[in-house]
């Protein structure tokens, strides 16, 4: 009788794992991937019962905010140790990963998008982490302002509730998207689509002294008090204006890989505007924060549709920046902070500690000539 009870428990466990893996094969809704992330977090946590898996993790994750591609990690471990359960989880994660990249339109620009990141703010760099006692968490469903708690799992698969605002004292592994790689691939796609639609500068013009540019010497974004589980911010610019050659709007997206913290001063020395690209030597600068559900393929289609209606008059500059904001997903302006700020009608002159229209960002932008190469 005991044998049959053990067999029944084993069969039920296998059936549960199979059902969970099927969840990872389902169609992806970028606005809600919490169920798939929950499955991965719980299944991944149960791998921490294995000493070999913990040692393997320790060799791949070296300290706070260190991260590793999730699919590669699971598959590498399964191949080395012949772990079929880990291999099945790796296969399910690979399908989920592929579906996310396909929906975002970046499947050929990024090999993997899922990652696992170690959050260990209270651990010293030299201190060894006992991964068998680490919790595995994921980003909850819905808007962050509505979250009641962060769900995390221990090595037995038991759920724990963590504070949304207060970072945990114990190390936590977070199942998430690699936001920096996602944004970089997405902006590459966005620029390509805008270029194909003729909505990027046709050519760069320069005077005898060289290329007239606007250099970002300083930027600061106000504290948005985001939950600890979201990690560092990833922000980008949409520099836009009226093209000097074509009778249409012109938009260029640029990432700001250094800007990963709010309420902190940055001095990037980054050229963000080539004034000769824009009629009237004037442009707008829209600042956005990347989010997991950002779909740059959809944004490109909306921008192409909306800004194609903008006239080439000087007064259209303000309209252009406003229409870009309207073209972004509506949820960005409800509870999220994905819309950061906008700087309207910037000209080729110095702006020192200049506040954006929403007073959420402050910049110093100054004229800078890149000498002509002879």
Protein backbone atom coordinates (compact mmCIF):
# COMPACT_ATOMS: atom_id res chain seq x y z
CA UNK A 1 0.00 0.00 0.00
CA UNK A 2 2.82 2.38 0.92
CA UNK A 3 4.46 1.69 -2.45
CA UNK A 4 1.30 2.72 -4.30
CA UNK A 5 0.98 5.91 -2.22
CA UNK A 6 4.59 6.85 -3.05
CA UNK A 7 3.93 6.05 -6.71
CA UNK A 8 0.77 8.20 -6.67
CA UNK A 9 2.64 11.15 -5.16
CA UNK A 10 5.36 10.75 -7.79
CA UNK A 11 2.83 10.62 -10.65
CA UNK A 12 1.00 13.70 -9.30
CA UNK A 13 4.30 15.57 -9.02
CA UNK A 14 5.23 14.71 -12.60
CA UNK A 15 1.75 15.76 -13.80
CA UNK A 16 2.07 19.07 -11.94
CA UNK A 17 5.48 19.75 -13.52
CA UNK A 18 4.09 18.89 -16.97
CA UNK A 19 1.17 21.28 -16.46
CA UNK A 20 3.58 24.00 -15.37
CA UNK A 21 5.78 23.46 -18.42
CA UNK A 22 2.72 23.73 -20.65
CA UNK A 23 2.09 27.17 -19.14
CA UNK A 24 5.45 28.23 -20.54
CA UNK A 25 4.40 27.10 -24.02
CA UNK A 26 1.28 29.31 -24.04
CA UNK A 27 0.96 32.48 -26.11
CA UNK A 28 2.67 35.50 -24.58
CA UNK A 29 0.80 38.58 -23.39
CA UNK A 30 3.47 41.24 -22.78
CA UNK A 31 1.17 43.12 -20.40
CA UNK A 32 0.95 40.10 -18.08
CA UNK A 33 3.72 37.50 -17.97
CA UNK A 34 3.37 36.97 -14.22
CA UNK A 35 1.97 33.43 -14.43
CA UNK A 36 4.84 32.17 -16.56
CA UNK A 37 7.39 33.92 -14.34
CA UNK A 38 5.71 32.41 -11.28
CA UNK A 39 6.02 28.91 -12.70
CA UNK A 40 9.70 29.45 -13.49
CA UNK A 41 10.40 30.93 -10.05
CA UNK A 42 8.81 28.00 -8.20
CA UNK A 43 10.37 25.33 -10.39
CA UNK A 44 13.77 27.06 -10.24
CA UNK A 45 13.55 27.32 -6.43
CA UNK A 46 12.98 23.58 -6.14
CA UNK A 47 16.26 23.00 -7.96
CA UNK A 48 17.98 24.62 -4.97
CA UNK A 49 17.42 21.38 -3.03
CA UNK A 50 20.35 19.98 -5.01
CA UNK A 51 23.83 20.74 -3.70
CA UNK A 52 25.29 20.43 -7.20
CA UNK A 53 22.84 23.00 -8.57
CA UNK A 54 23.66 25.44 -5.76
CA UNK A 55 27.39 25.05 -6.41
CA UNK A 56 26.75 25.57 -10.13
CA UNK A 57 24.83 28.79 -9.37
CA UNK A 58 27.61 30.04 -7.14
CA UNK A 59 30.05 29.65 -10.03
CA UNK A 60 27.80 31.74 -12.33
CA UNK A 61 26.58 34.47 -9.94
CA UNK A 62 29.30 36.37 -8.14
CA UNK A 63 27.52 39.04 -6.07
CA UNK A 64 24.77 41.65 -5.80
CA UNK A 65 23.01 42.34 -9.10
CA UNK A 66 25.05 39.73 -10.95
CA UNK A 67 22.86 37.99 -13.53
CA UNK A 68 22.95 35.10 -15.98
CA UNK A 69 20.87 34.11 -18.99
CA UNK A 70 18.26 31.72 -17.63
CA UNK A 71 17.92 29.26 -20.52
CA UNK A 72 21.68 28.83 -20.95
CA UNK A 73 22.13 28.30 -17.21
CA UNK A 74 19.45 25.58 -16.99
CA UNK A 75 20.56 23.81 -20.16
CA UNK A 76 24.23 23.90 -19.21
CA UNK A 77 23.49 22.36 -15.82
CA UNK A 78 21.20 19.71 -17.33
CA UNK A 79 23.85 18.75 -19.90
CA UNK A 80 26.68 18.51 -17.36
CA UNK A 81 24.75 16.64 -14.66
CA UNK A 82 22.22 14.75 -16.80
CA UNK A 83 19.30 16.33 -14.89
CA UNK A 84 16.16 15.64 -16.93
CA UNK A 85 13.86 17.74 -14.72
CA UNK A 86 16.14 20.75 -15.08
CA UNK A 87 16.35 19.99 -18.80
CA UNK A 88 12.54 20.03 -19.09
CA UNK A 89 12.40 23.35 -17.28
CA UNK A 90 15.12 24.68 -19.59
CA UNK A 91 13.11 23.57 -22.64
CA UNK A 92 9.96 25.28 -21.32
CA UNK A 93 11.90 28.46 -20.56
CA UNK A 94 13.43 28.37 -24.05
CA UNK A 95 9.95 28.27 -25.60
CA UNK A 96 8.77 31.13 -23.38
CA UNK A 97 11.93 33.12 -24.17
CA UNK A 98 11.49 32.58 -27.91
CA UNK A 99 7.82 33.63 -27.78
CA UNK A 100 8.64 36.85 -25.91
CA UNK A 101 11.28 37.82 -28.48
CA UNK A 102 8.96 36.91 -31.36
CA UNK A 103 6.10 39.08 -30.04
CA UNK A 104 8.53 41.96 -29.48
CA UNK A 105 9.93 41.54 -32.99
CA UNK A 106 13.52 41.10 -31.78
CA UNK A 107 13.96 37.33 -32.20
CA UNK A 108 16.79 37.89 -34.69
CA UNK A 109 18.41 40.68 -32.69
CA UNK A 110 18.71 38.94 -29.31
CA UNK A 111 19.55 35.31 -28.54
CA UNK A 112 18.05 35.20 -25.02
CA UNK A 113 15.93 37.62 -23.03
CA UNK A 114 15.14 35.77 -19.77
CA UNK A 115 17.63 36.01 -16.96
CA UNK A 116 17.99 35.26 -13.26
CA UNK A 117 19.50 38.05 -11.13
CA UNK A 118 20.87 37.90 -7.59
CA UNK A 119 19.61 40.62 -5.24
CA UNK A 120 21.92 40.58 -2.23
CA UNK A 121 22.38 44.13 -0.93
CA UNK A 122 23.25 43.02 2.61
CA UNK A 123 25.89 40.49 1.54
CA UNK A 124 29.57 41.41 1.47
CA UNK A 125 31.45 40.84 -1.79
CA UNK A 126 33.76 38.31 -0.13
CA UNK A 127 30.92 36.50 1.64
CA UNK A 128 29.81 33.15 0.26
CA UNK A 129 26.04 32.84 -0.29
CA UNK A 130 24.20 29.67 0.73
CA UNK A 131 22.00 29.25 -2.32
CA UNK A 132 19.97 26.50 -0.67
CA UNK A 133 18.47 29.23 1.58
CA UNK A 134 17.93 31.80 -1.16
CA UNK A 135 14.36 32.71 -2.16
CA UNK A 136 13.32 32.97 -5.82
CA UNK A 137 10.95 35.83 -6.70
CA UNK A 138 9.27 37.33 -9.76
CA UNK A 139 7.54 40.58 -10.67
CA UNK A 140 3.84 40.42 -9.60
CA UNK A 141 0.85 41.02 -11.82
CA UNK A 142 -0.57 44.51 -12.41
CA UNK A 143 0.61 48.02 -11.67
CA UNK A 144 3.35 48.38 -9.05
CA UNK A 145 1.27 50.87 -7.04
CA UNK A 146 -1.31 48.11 -6.55
CA UNK A 147 1.08 45.40 -5.37
CA UNK A 148 0.40 44.10 -1.85
CA UNK A 149 3.49 41.90 -1.58
CA UNK A 150 6.23 40.18 -3.58
CA UNK A 151 5.79 36.41 -3.82
CA UNK A 152 8.94 34.29 -3.53
CA UNK A 153 9.63 30.57 -3.16
CA UNK A 154 12.07 28.58 -1.06
CA UNK A 155 13.81 25.33 -2.06
CA UNK A 156 10.75 23.29 -1.03
CA UNK A 157 8.51 25.31 -3.35
CA UNK A 158 6.78 27.00 -0.40
CA UNK A 159 5.57 30.55 -1.07
CA UNK A 160 6.70 33.52 1.06
CA UNK A 161 5.42 37.10 1.04
CA UNK A 162 8.05 39.85 0.89
CA UNK A 163 7.61 43.59 1.33
CA UNK A 164 7.15 45.62 -1.85
CA UNK A 165 9.11 48.68 -0.67
CA UNK A 166 11.59 47.26 1.84
CA UNK A 167 14.36 45.15 0.31
CA UNK A 168 14.72 41.75 2.03
CA UNK A 169 17.62 41.09 4.39
CA UNK A 170 18.27 37.68 2.84
CA UNK A 171 19.50 37.14 -0.74
CA UNK A 172 16.80 36.70 -3.40
CA UNK A 173 17.05 35.42 -6.96
CA UNK A 174 14.74 37.25 -9.38
CA UNK A 175 13.34 35.73 -12.58
CA UNK A 176 13.02 38.59 -15.05
CA UNK A 177 13.80 39.92 -18.52
CA UNK A 178 17.25 41.27 -19.33
CA UNK A 179 15.98 44.84 -19.65
CA UNK A 180 19.22 46.38 -20.93
CA UNK A 181 19.56 43.84 -23.74
CA UNK A 182 15.82 44.08 -24.45
CA UNK A 183 15.98 47.88 -24.74
CA UNK A 184 19.11 47.82 -26.90
CA UNK A 185 17.56 45.34 -29.35
CA UNK A 186 14.24 47.21 -29.29
CA UNK A 187 15.78 50.60 -30.02
CA UNK A 188 17.75 49.05 -32.87
CA UNK A 189 14.46 47.76 -34.30
CA UNK A 190 12.77 51.13 -33.73
CA UNK A 191 15.54 53.05 -35.52
CA UNK A 192 15.49 50.60 -38.44
CA UNK A 193 11.72 50.93 -38.87
CA UNK A 194 11.84 54.73 -38.63
CA UNK A 195 14.68 54.80 -41.17
CA UNK A 196 12.72 52.60 -43.60
CA UNK A 197 9.72 54.94 -43.25
CA UNK A 198 11.91 57.96 -44.06
CA UNK A 199 11.48 59.38 -40.56
CA UNK A 200 15.17 59.76 -39.78
CA UNK A 201 17.65 62.37 -41.06
CA UNK A 202 18.44 61.92 -44.75
CA UNK A 203 21.95 63.30 -44.37
CA UNK A 204 24.13 65.15 -41.89
CA UNK A 205 25.18 68.68 -42.65
CA UNK A 206 28.18 70.48 -41.19
CA UNK A 207 29.81 73.85 -41.50
CA UNK A 208 33.47 74.56 -42.12
CA UNK A 209 34.32 74.32 -38.44
CA UNK A 210 32.79 70.86 -38.12
CA UNK A 211 29.63 69.12 -36.98
CA UNK A 212 27.35 71.20 -34.76
CA UNK A 213 25.99 69.07 -31.95
CA UNK A 214 24.32 69.32 -28.56
CA UNK A 215 26.20 67.53 -25.80
CA UNK A 216 24.49 66.27 -22.64
CA UNK A 217 26.82 67.31 -19.81
CA UNK A 218 24.46 66.56 -16.94
CA UNK A 219 21.17 64.79 -16.21
CA UNK A 220 19.20 63.97 -13.10
CA UNK A 221 15.87 62.16 -12.82
CA UNK A 222 13.75 62.53 -9.69
CA UNK A 223 13.32 59.62 -7.29
CA UNK A 224 10.36 57.52 -8.41
CA UNK A 225 10.57 55.16 -5.37
CA UNK A 226 10.27 52.02 -7.48
CA UNK A 227 10.10 48.64 -5.71
CA UNK A 228 13.43 46.90 -5.10
CA UNK A 229 12.51 43.94 -7.29
CA UNK A 230 12.58 46.04 -10.48
CA UNK A 231 16.31 46.71 -10.15
CA UNK A 232 18.09 49.46 -12.03
CA UNK A 233 16.30 51.77 -14.44
CA UNK A 234 16.94 51.69 -18.19
CA UNK A 235 16.19 55.00 -19.92
CA UNK A 236 16.27 56.25 -23.49
CA UNK A 237 15.65 59.37 -25.54
CA UNK A 238 13.53 60.10 -28.59
CA UNK A 239 15.13 63.19 -30.16
CA UNK A 240 12.68 64.60 -32.69
CA UNK A 241 12.17 67.54 -34.99
CA UNK A 242 11.49 68.54 -38.59
CA UNK A 243 13.92 67.11 -41.14
CA UNK A 244 16.06 69.60 -43.07
CA UNK A 245 15.74 67.73 -46.36
CA UNK A 246 12.46 65.80 -46.36
CA UNK A 247 9.06 67.39 -45.82
CA UNK A 248 8.35 65.31 -42.71
CA UNK A 249 9.20 64.67 -39.08
CA UNK A 250 12.46 63.04 -38.00
CA UNK A 251 13.01 60.87 -34.89
CA UNK A 252 16.13 59.20 -33.52
CA UNK A 253 16.15 56.93 -30.46
CA UNK A 254 19.20 56.78 -28.20
CA UNK A 255 19.87 54.73 -25.09
CA UNK A 256 21.41 56.10 -21.91
CA UNK A 257 23.10 52.98 -20.49
CA UNK A 258 24.73 54.89 -17.64
CA UNK A 259 21.47 56.27 -16.23
CA UNK A 260 20.42 53.42 -13.94
CA UNK A 261 19.48 55.21 -10.72
CA UNK A 262 16.93 57.87 -9.88
CA UNK A 263 17.76 60.84 -7.64
CA UNK A 264 21.41 60.76 -8.71
CA UNK A 265 23.58 63.15 -10.74
CA UNK A 266 25.13 61.90 -14.00
CA UNK A 267 27.71 63.66 -16.17
CA UNK A 268 27.65 61.59 -19.38
CA UNK A 269 29.39 63.89 -21.90
CA UNK A 270 27.07 62.32 -24.51
CA UNK A 271 26.27 63.88 -27.89
CA UNK A 272 22.50 63.53 -28.28
CA UNK A 273 21.65 66.08 -31.01
CA UNK A 274 23.14 66.86 -34.42
CA UNK A 275 21.62 70.28 -35.11
CA UNK A 276 22.10 70.09 -38.85
CA UNK A 277 19.63 67.19 -38.92
CA UNK A 278 16.75 69.46 -37.93
CA UNK A 279 15.13 72.37 -39.70
CA UNK A 280 15.26 75.63 -37.75
CA UNK A 281 18.13 74.11 -35.69
CA UNK A 282 15.53 73.09 -33.10
CA UNK A 283 14.24 69.78 -31.69
CA UNK A 284 12.37 68.16 -28.81
CA UNK A 285 13.81 65.59 -26.41
CA UNK A 286 11.42 62.98 -24.98
CA UNK A 287 12.73 60.85 -22.09
CA UNK A 288 11.26 57.41 -21.38
CA UNK A 289 12.03 54.52 -19.06
CA UNK A 290 12.06 51.01 -20.48
CA UNK A 291 9.65 48.42 -19.09
CA UNK A 292 9.38 44.65 -19.63
CA UNK A 293 6.13 45.01 -21.55
CA UNK A 294 7.57 47.60 -23.95
CA UNK A 295 7.04 46.48 -27.53
CA UNK A 296 9.18 48.65 -29.82
CA UNK A 297 7.69 47.02 -32.91
CA UNK A 298 4.25 48.37 -31.95
CA UNK A 299 5.72 51.73 -30.94
CA UNK A 300 7.40 52.03 -34.35
CA UNK A 301 4.10 51.37 -36.15
CA UNK A 302 2.26 53.94 -34.00
CA UNK A 303 4.96 56.57 -34.44
CA UNK A 304 5.07 56.08 -38.20
CA UNK A 305 1.29 56.48 -38.37
CA UNK A 306 1.06 59.48 -36.03
CA UNK A 307 4.06 61.62 -36.96
CA UNK A 308 3.40 61.16 -40.66
CA UNK A 309 0.53 63.60 -40.16
CA UNK A 310 2.75 66.35 -38.71
CA UNK A 311 3.31 69.41 -40.88
CA UNK A 312 6.73 70.97 -41.48
CA UNK A 313 5.95 74.34 -39.93
CA UNK A 314 7.93 75.62 -36.93
CA UNK A 315 4.83 75.48 -34.71
CA UNK A 316 4.63 71.74 -35.46
CA UNK A 317 7.66 71.09 -33.21
CA UNK A 318 5.52 71.23 -30.06
CA UNK A 319 2.84 69.10 -31.72
CA UNK A 320 5.45 66.48 -32.67
CA UNK A 321 6.68 65.86 -29.11
CA UNK A 322 3.10 65.76 -27.83
CA UNK A 323 2.02 63.29 -30.50
CA UNK A 324 4.96 61.03 -29.65
CA UNK A 325 3.76 60.95 -26.04
CA UNK A 326 0.22 60.14 -27.18
CA UNK A 327 1.50 57.31 -29.37
CA UNK A 328 3.03 55.52 -26.40
CA UNK A 329 1.06 52.83 -24.49
CA UNK A 330 -1.75 54.40 -22.44
CA UNK A 331 -0.77 52.53 -19.25
CA UNK A 332 2.52 54.47 -19.20
CA UNK A 333 0.62 57.52 -17.98
CA UNK A 334 -1.56 55.90 -15.32
CA UNK A 335 0.44 54.28 -12.54
CA UNK A 336 3.78 53.59 -14.20
CA UNK A 337 6.74 55.93 -14.48
CA UNK A 338 7.73 54.86 -18.00
CA UNK A 339 7.10 58.39 -19.26
CA UNK A 340 9.83 60.43 -17.57
CA UNK A 341 9.78 63.94 -19.07
CA UNK A 342 9.90 66.03 -22.25
CA UNK A 343 12.01 69.04 -23.25
CA UNK A 344 10.18 71.11 -25.87
CA UNK A 345 11.74 73.27 -28.60
CA UNK A 346 15.42 72.98 -27.70
CA UNK A 347 17.73 75.17 -29.77
CA UNK A 348 21.46 75.28 -30.47
CA UNK A 349 22.39 77.14 -27.29
CA UNK A 350 23.33 76.29 -23.71
CA UNK A 351 20.69 75.05 -21.25
CA UNK A 352 22.06 74.77 -17.72
CA UNK A 353 20.16 72.81 -15.03
CA UNK A 354 17.14 73.05 -17.29
CA UNK A 355 13.89 71.50 -16.05
CA UNK A 356 11.68 69.39 -18.31
CA UNK A 357 8.00 70.22 -18.83
CA UNK A 358 6.94 67.71 -16.17
CA UNK A 359 9.73 68.81 -13.81
CA UNK A 360 10.78 65.19 -13.37
CA UNK A 361 14.16 65.51 -15.11
CA UNK A 362 16.84 68.20 -15.25
CA UNK A 363 19.63 68.51 -17.82
CA UNK A 364 22.56 70.62 -18.93
CA UNK A 365 22.86 70.68 -22.72
CA UNK A 366 25.47 72.81 -24.47
CA UNK A 367 26.64 73.42 -28.04
CA UNK A 368 29.63 71.32 -29.06
CA UNK A 369 31.41 71.29 -32.43
CA UNK A 370 33.06 68.06 -33.54
CA UNK A 371 35.97 69.14 -35.75
CA UNK A 372 35.91 68.10 -39.38
CA UNK A 373 38.25 65.20 -40.14
CA UNK A 374 40.66 66.13 -42.94
